[in-house]
Protein backbone atom coordinates (compact mmCIF):
# COMPACT_ATOMS: atom_id res chain seq x y z
CA UNK A 1 25.97 3.87 -8.32
CA UNK A 2 25.14 3.08 -4.76
CA UNK A 3 21.96 4.36 -3.09
CA UNK A 4 21.00 3.96 0.66
CA UNK A 5 17.19 4.34 1.79
CA UNK A 6 15.41 1.65 0.33
CA UNK A 7 12.80 1.44 2.63
CA UNK A 8 9.72 2.02 0.31
CA UNK A 9 6.69 1.77 2.74
CA UNK A 10 3.75 3.82 3.84
CA UNK A 11 6.49 6.49 5.16
CA UNK A 12 8.84 5.89 2.02
CA UNK A 13 12.73 6.53 2.36
CA UNK A 14 13.94 8.55 -1.04
CA UNK A 15 16.36 5.71 -2.44
CA UNK A 16 13.88 4.21 -4.82
CA UNK A 17 13.11 7.87 -5.68
CA UNK A 18 16.83 8.51 -6.65
CA UNK A 19 17.24 4.88 -8.14
CA UNK A 20 14.01 5.61 -10.73
CA UNK A 21 15.86 9.02 -11.53
CA UNK A 22 19.06 8.08 -12.30
CA UNK A 23 17.75 5.18 -14.45
CA UNK A 24 15.55 7.92 -16.44
CA UNK A 25 18.50 9.97 -17.37
CA UNK A 26 19.47 8.77 -21.24
CA UNK A 27 23.16 9.22 -20.23
CA UNK A 28 23.19 6.78 -17.43
CA UNK A 29 24.82 3.10 -18.40
CA UNK A 30 25.68 1.24 -15.40
CA UNK A 31 24.48 -0.68 -12.43
CA UNK A 32 22.50 0.06 -9.38
CA UNK A 33 23.91 -1.03 -6.03
CA UNK A 34 21.34 -0.81 -2.82
CA UNK A 35 22.52 -0.24 0.59
CA UNK A 36 19.86 -1.11 2.85
CA UNK A 37 19.81 -1.82 6.83
CA UNK A 38 17.38 -4.69 6.59
CA UNK A 39 16.74 -7.61 4.61
CA UNK A 40 13.17 -6.38 4.11
CA UNK A 41 13.29 -3.08 2.68
CA UNK A 42 11.14 -3.30 -0.39
CA UNK A 43 13.17 -1.74 -2.76
CA UNK A 44 15.78 -4.22 -2.45
CA UNK A 45 13.32 -6.54 -4.43
CA UNK A 46 12.63 -4.21 -7.23
CA UNK A 47 14.41 -5.97 -10.22
CA UNK A 48 13.72 -3.25 -12.47
CA UNK A 49 15.72 -1.03 -10.51
CA UNK A 50 18.45 -2.89 -8.25
CA UNK A 51 21.00 -4.65 -9.64
CA UNK A 52 23.03 -5.31 -6.54
CA UNK A 53 22.11 -5.52 -3.03
CA UNK A 54 24.14 -5.28 0.39
CA UNK A 55 23.32 -4.58 3.87
CA UNK A 56 25.20 -2.36 5.79
CA UNK A 57 25.91 -1.52 9.54
CA UNK A 58 23.48 0.72 11.19
CA UNK A 59 25.06 4.28 12.01
CA UNK A 60 25.20 3.09 15.29
CA UNK A 61 28.28 0.73 14.80
CA UNK A 62 30.56 3.68 13.41
CA UNK A 63 32.23 4.61 10.49
CA UNK A 64 34.81 2.06 10.60
CA UNK A 65 32.38 -0.64 10.19
CA UNK A 66 30.62 1.03 7.44
CA UNK A 67 33.86 2.14 5.71
CA UNK A 68 34.83 -1.70 5.73
CA UNK A 69 31.53 -2.71 4.39
CA UNK A 70 31.84 -0.26 1.49
CA UNK A 71 35.18 -1.75 0.95
CA UNK A 72 33.95 -5.15 0.51
CA UNK A 73 31.16 -3.69 -1.96
CA UNK A 74 33.88 -1.75 -3.88
CA UNK A 75 35.93 -4.56 -4.06
CA UNK A 76 33.02 -6.74 -5.62
CA UNK A 77 31.37 -5.18 -7.73
CA UNK A 78 33.10 -1.64 -7.64
CA UNK A 79 31.27 1.83 -6.99
CA UNK A 80 31.93 4.72 -8.76
CA UNK A 81 29.33 6.88 -6.89
CA UNK A 82 27.40 6.81 -3.52
CA UNK A 83 24.23 8.75 -2.66
CA UNK A 84 23.30 8.48 0.77
CA UNK A 85 19.16 9.44 1.46
CA UNK A 86 18.83 9.38 5.22
CA UNK A 87 19.41 12.25 7.56
CA UNK A 88 20.95 9.47 10.66
CA UNK A 89 23.71 8.02 8.02
CA UNK A 90 24.79 11.42 6.73
CA UNK A 91 27.00 12.10 9.38
CA UNK A 92 29.03 8.80 9.39
CA UNK A 93 29.48 9.45 5.17
CA UNK A 94 30.41 12.81 5.50
CA UNK A 95 33.30 11.95 8.03
CA UNK A 96 33.92 9.12 5.03
CA UNK A 97 34.03 10.94 2.08
CA UNK A 98 37.69 11.72 1.62
CA UNK A 99 38.56 7.94 2.22
CA UNK A 100 36.13 6.98 0.00
CA UNK A 101 37.34 9.69 -2.73
CA UNK A 102 41.04 8.05 -2.09
CA UNK A 103 39.42 4.68 -3.06
CA UNK A 104 37.66 5.97 -6.07
CA UNK A 105 34.19 6.42 -4.74
CA UNK A 106 32.78 9.71 -5.21
CA UNK A 107 30.22 11.66 -2.98
CA UNK A 108 28.53 15.12 -3.57
CA UNK A 109 27.69 16.02 0.16
CA UNK A 110 27.61 19.16 2.51
CA UNK A 111 30.14 19.49 5.22
CA UNK A 112 29.95 18.34 8.74
CA UNK A 113 29.47 22.35 9.82
CA UNK A 114 26.58 22.68 6.86
CA UNK A 115 24.92 19.79 8.38
CA UNK A 116 24.65 20.69 12.17
CA UNK A 117 23.56 24.45 11.16
CA UNK A 118 20.30 23.36 9.50
CA UNK A 119 19.61 21.10 12.03
CA UNK A 120 16.32 21.55 14.12
CA UNK A 121 17.87 22.68 17.10
CA UNK A 122 19.67 25.43 15.33
CA UNK A 123 17.02 26.09 12.66
CA UNK A 124 15.79 29.39 14.32
CA UNK A 125 19.41 31.01 14.59
CA UNK A 126 20.26 30.47 11.17
CA UNK A 127 16.95 31.95 10.35
CA UNK A 128 18.21 35.21 12.17
CA UNK A 129 21.36 34.87 10.58
CA UNK A 130 20.09 34.74 6.77
CA UNK A 131 16.45 36.39 7.06
CA UNK A 132 14.61 32.98 6.76
CA UNK A 133 10.77 32.89 8.13
CA UNK A 134 11.18 30.05 10.70
CA UNK A 135 7.86 30.01 13.11
CA UNK A 136 8.53 30.61 17.04
CA UNK A 137 10.39 27.11 18.19
CA UNK A 138 12.31 26.06 21.22
CA UNK A 139 14.54 22.95 22.22
CA UNK A 140 13.22 21.33 25.16
CA UNK A 141 15.21 18.82 26.99
CA UNK A 142 12.92 18.71 30.13
CA UNK A 143 9.39 17.94 30.17
CA UNK A 144 8.74 20.21 33.07
CA UNK A 145 9.40 23.11 30.45
CA UNK A 146 6.25 22.32 28.68
CA UNK A 147 3.87 23.70 31.37
CA UNK A 148 5.47 27.15 30.55
CA UNK A 149 6.35 27.25 26.36
CA UNK A 150 3.12 29.06 25.60
CA UNK A 151 5.23 32.06 26.60
CA UNK A 152 7.40 31.26 23.92
CA UNK A 153 5.65 29.01 21.63
CA UNK A 154 2.08 29.18 21.20
CA UNK A 155 -0.63 26.07 20.98
CA UNK A 156 -1.48 24.51 19.00
CA UNK A 157 2.21 23.08 18.61
CA UNK A 158 4.54 20.25 17.23
CA UNK A 159 6.88 18.23 19.21
CA UNK A 160 9.66 17.05 16.71
CA UNK A 161 12.55 14.62 17.04
CA UNK A 162 15.96 15.54 16.10
CA UNK A 163 15.93 13.57 12.90
CA UNK A 164 12.17 12.24 12.19
CA UNK A 165 8.96 12.26 13.91
CA UNK A 166 6.45 14.73 14.74
CA UNK A 167 3.47 14.85 17.39
CA UNK A 168 1.08 17.75 17.30
CA UNK A 169 0.07 18.99 20.80
CA UNK A 170 -2.95 21.08 21.83
CA UNK A 171 -2.36 21.13 25.54
CA UNK A 172 0.73 20.82 27.71
CA UNK A 173 -0.16 17.17 28.86
CA UNK A 174 -0.40 16.53 25.07
CA UNK A 175 2.94 18.02 24.51
CA UNK A 176 4.48 16.12 27.60
CA UNK A 177 3.17 12.76 26.19
CA UNK A 178 4.36 13.74 22.35
CA UNK A 179 7.76 14.60 24.18
CA UNK A 180 7.93 11.32 26.24
CA UNK A 181 7.52 9.63 22.63
CA UNK A 182 9.38 11.62 20.83
CA UNK A 183 12.63 10.67 23.00
CA UNK A 184 12.00 6.96 23.52
CA UNK A 185 12.07 6.88 19.56
CA UNK A 186 14.78 9.45 18.72
CA UNK A 187 16.32 10.80 21.73
CA UNK A 188 17.21 13.82 22.78
CA UNK A 189 17.21 16.78 21.80
CA UNK A 190 13.29 17.43 21.05
CA UNK A 191 12.27 20.69 19.28
CA UNK A 192 8.84 22.50 19.68
CA UNK A 193 7.55 24.46 17.23
CA UNK A 194 4.62 26.77 16.87
CA UNK A 195 1.81 25.01 14.25
CA UNK A 196 1.14 27.31 11.03
CA UNK A 197 -2.06 26.83 9.44
CA UNK A 198 -2.02 26.97 5.15
CA UNK A 199 -0.58 25.13 2.10
CA UNK A 200 2.29 23.12 2.29
CA UNK A 201 4.72 23.70 -0.03
CA UNK A 202 8.13 21.44 -0.61
CA UNK A 203 10.98 22.50 -2.37
CA UNK A 204 13.79 19.91 -3.62
CA UNK A 205 17.14 21.95 -4.53
CA UNK A 206 20.70 21.10 -5.08
CA UNK A 207 23.38 23.46 -3.82
CA UNK A 208 26.72 23.77 -5.61
CA UNK A 209 28.82 24.22 -2.64
CA UNK A 210 29.64 27.74 -3.36
CA UNK A 211 26.38 29.51 -2.56
CA UNK A 212 24.27 28.96 -5.74
CA UNK A 213 21.82 26.56 -6.74
CA UNK A 214 22.15 24.11 -8.97
CA UNK A 215 18.69 23.21 -9.68
CA UNK A 216 15.02 23.51 -7.93
CA UNK A 217 11.91 22.41 -8.14
CA UNK A 218 8.56 23.40 -5.70
CA UNK A 219 5.92 20.79 -5.06
CA UNK A 220 2.78 21.46 -3.69
CA UNK A 221 1.04 18.18 -1.93
CA UNK A 222 -2.68 17.17 -3.03
CA UNK A 223 -2.95 14.10 -1.07
CA UNK A 224 -1.50 12.98 2.10
CA UNK A 225 -1.71 9.82 4.39
CA UNK A 226 -2.76 9.74 7.62
CA UNK A 227 0.90 10.06 8.73
CA UNK A 228 0.79 13.71 6.63
CA UNK A 229 3.32 12.03 3.70
CA UNK A 230 2.70 13.19 0.06
CA UNK A 231 0.96 10.98 -1.71
CA UNK A 232 0.31 12.79 -4.66
CA UNK A 233 1.92 16.41 -5.56
CA UNK A 234 2.20 18.66 -8.29
CA UNK A 235 5.22 20.79 -9.48
CA UNK A 236 4.57 24.26 -9.36
CA UNK A 237 6.08 27.79 -10.19
CA UNK A 238 6.44 29.64 -7.09
CA UNK A 239 9.30 32.41 -7.05
CA UNK A 240 9.03 33.16 -3.34
CA UNK A 241 9.69 29.50 -2.78
CA UNK A 242 12.43 29.34 -4.81
CA UNK A 243 13.89 32.50 -3.33
CA UNK A 244 13.85 30.96 -0.08
CA UNK A 245 15.90 27.69 -1.55
CA UNK A 246 18.17 30.14 -2.82
CA UNK A 247 18.76 32.44 -0.10
CA UNK A 248 19.16 29.03 2.05
CA UNK A 249 21.88 27.95 -0.34
CA UNK A 250 23.48 31.41 -0.43
CA UNK A 251 23.33 31.49 3.67
CA UNK A 252 24.91 28.13 4.18
CA UNK A 253 26.83 27.21 0.56
CA UNK A 254 25.02 24.08 1.02
CA UNK A 255 26.53 21.22 -0.89
CA UNK A 256 24.60 18.63 -2.29
CA UNK A 257 20.62 18.02 -1.84
CA UNK A 258 18.38 19.47 0.33
CA UNK A 259 14.37 20.11 0.59
CA UNK A 260 12.60 23.03 2.54
CA UNK A 261 9.41 22.27 3.93
CA UNK A 262 7.72 25.41 3.76
CA UNK A 263 3.57 26.36 4.75
CA UNK A 264 2.02 29.13 2.78
CA UNK A 265 -0.49 30.83 5.21
CA UNK A 266 -3.85 32.19 4.29
CA UNK A 267 -2.37 35.90 4.05
CA UNK A 268 0.34 34.26 1.44
CA UNK A 269 3.38 34.61 3.78
CA UNK A 270 5.98 31.51 3.98
CA UNK A 271 7.26 30.26 6.75
CA UNK A 272 10.06 27.30 6.87
CA UNK A 273 9.19 24.46 8.87
CA UNK A 274 12.50 22.60 8.67
CA UNK A 275 15.11 21.60 5.96
CA UNK A 276 16.23 17.88 5.22
CA UNK A 277 19.79 17.79 4.15
CA UNK A 278 19.09 15.07 1.09
CA UNK A 279 16.56 14.07 -1.33
CA UNK A 280 13.14 13.42 -0.23
CA UNK A 281 11.08 10.80 -1.31
CA UNK A 282 9.28 12.29 -4.18
CA UNK A 283 12.45 13.54 -6.07
CA UNK A 284 11.37 11.22 -9.21
CA UNK A 285 9.37 14.28 -9.54
CA UNK A 286 12.07 16.54 -10.39
CA UNK A 287 12.90 14.07 -13.09
CA UNK A 288 9.51 13.66 -14.66
CA UNK A 289 9.38 17.50 -14.51
CA UNK A 290 12.65 17.65 -16.59
CA UNK A 291 14.92 19.04 -13.99
CA UNK A 292 16.40 15.38 -13.10
CA UNK A 293 18.20 16.54 -9.66
CA UNK A 294 19.39 13.05 -8.51
CA UNK A 295 21.19 12.38 -12.03
CA UNK A 296 22.84 15.96 -11.31
CA UNK A 297 23.85 15.16 -8.31
CA UNK A 298 25.80 12.08 -9.56
CA UNK A 299 27.34 14.20 -12.69
CA UNK A 300 29.03 16.60 -9.74
CA UNK A 301 30.04 13.84 -7.79
CA UNK A 302 31.98 12.45 -10.77
CA UNK A 303 32.71 16.03 -12.55
CA UNK A 304 30.82 15.27 -14.97
CA UNK A 305 28.98 17.90 -17.28
CA UNK A 306 25.52 18.74 -15.97
CA UNK A 307 22.69 18.36 -18.00
CA UNK A 308 20.23 21.37 -19.13
CA UNK A 309 18.67 22.46 -15.20
CA UNK A 310 16.95 25.62 -16.62
CA UNK A 311 13.59 24.88 -16.74
CA UNK A 312 11.03 22.10 -15.13
CA UNK A 313 7.30 21.45 -16.65
CA UNK A 314 5.17 23.03 -14.15
CA UNK A 315 1.81 20.98 -13.67
CA UNK A 316 3.65 17.63 -13.70
CA UNK A 317 2.49 15.41 -11.21
CA UNK A 318 3.18 12.41 -9.15
CA UNK A 319 0.83 9.74 -7.84
CA UNK A 320 2.49 7.08 -5.64
CA UNK A 321 1.50 3.40 -6.00
CA UNK A 322 1.77 0.63 -3.36
CA UNK A 323 2.29 -2.50 -4.86
CA UNK A 324 3.64 -6.16 -4.41
CA UNK A 325 7.21 -7.26 -4.88
CA UNK A 326 7.61 -10.80 -5.97
CA UNK A 327 10.68 -12.42 -4.89
CA UNK A 328 12.32 -15.83 -3.52
CA UNK A 329 13.22 -17.14 -0.27
CA UNK A 330 16.65 -17.89 -1.89
CA UNK A 331 16.97 -14.03 -2.70
CA UNK A 332 15.95 -13.25 0.94
CA UNK A 333 17.78 -15.46 2.60
CA UNK A 334 20.76 -14.58 0.58
CA UNK A 335 20.15 -11.03 1.77
CA UNK A 336 19.31 -12.13 5.47
CA UNK A 337 22.27 -14.53 6.43
CA UNK A 338 25.21 -13.45 3.57
CA UNK A 339 24.41 -9.47 3.29
CA UNK A 340 24.40 -9.32 -0.45
CA UNK A 341 22.64 -10.23 -3.47
CA UNK A 342 23.15 -10.05 -7.34
CA UNK A 343 21.26 -10.15 -10.44
CA UNK A 344 23.58 -12.66 -11.98
CA UNK A 345 22.46 -15.01 -9.00
CA UNK A 346 19.18 -15.19 -10.34
CA UNK A 347 18.08 -18.42 -12.31
CA UNK A 348 17.26 -17.74 -15.79
């Protein structure tokens, strides 16, 4: 099984969590292939998790370059399933899923239309269609619009990139500065969204592609980094958060993993900030709580029977850890120059 997103930094990708969840399944019996964009992605060197590691071309290089690389990986080690975990790479994998299937490589991904309909730029339209509670939001392609944006989106507000990145602004001048920073990093469009004060609740879920949910686990963050990323969290029972996940899957007929980012305000109201079209970095919590959603996606991709996903253990916590990975110059050199590395190359 191949997994992307091994950039396990202070703003971690989901890949390491997905791999840990796959290995946690008692039914898993195989090899894990890490697909990375940089030879210094830390997850590549987790020898207890990864058997084979390959560098792949950046999404900007196009689908044909990615397909050629995956064909090489498949010919070398054999791939049964690929689970992409990064927003920016999903369009390429979605475009290639039929050609990958012809090679015998299974995926379980949304359609291109589903990916677009939940984008930050179209979330308000989706909310109107499906009755989802989204804060006031606007797409802003000209920073001059920010001097009158308060007529539609009150301050303080968030200035967000299409894929990643969010800057909080209290004044028009701060919003303009944030707009330029987001555009320089992520390009257009830029989304401006009202700030909602309250408790953040995230839901990791998997849609079956027919309007139903395969499983879902809500989580409350208990410790944040200075970037606002969850460093600790707890699985909770939250019927309204689960109902919103079920509603999203019903309206979009979502196929594959997704994450809802919600805020519960002081009055008990829920606000959907965004929908991430893949696993979150904290997805290993679902396995720890007894509802292993990454393994469920691997089963769905292969058409294999699903494990029992009827319940999860409320109160299960995760606390993230930073550690030093030990490797060798030969391993790094192989990845940096040859673009691949295998555990069979290790000296006993």
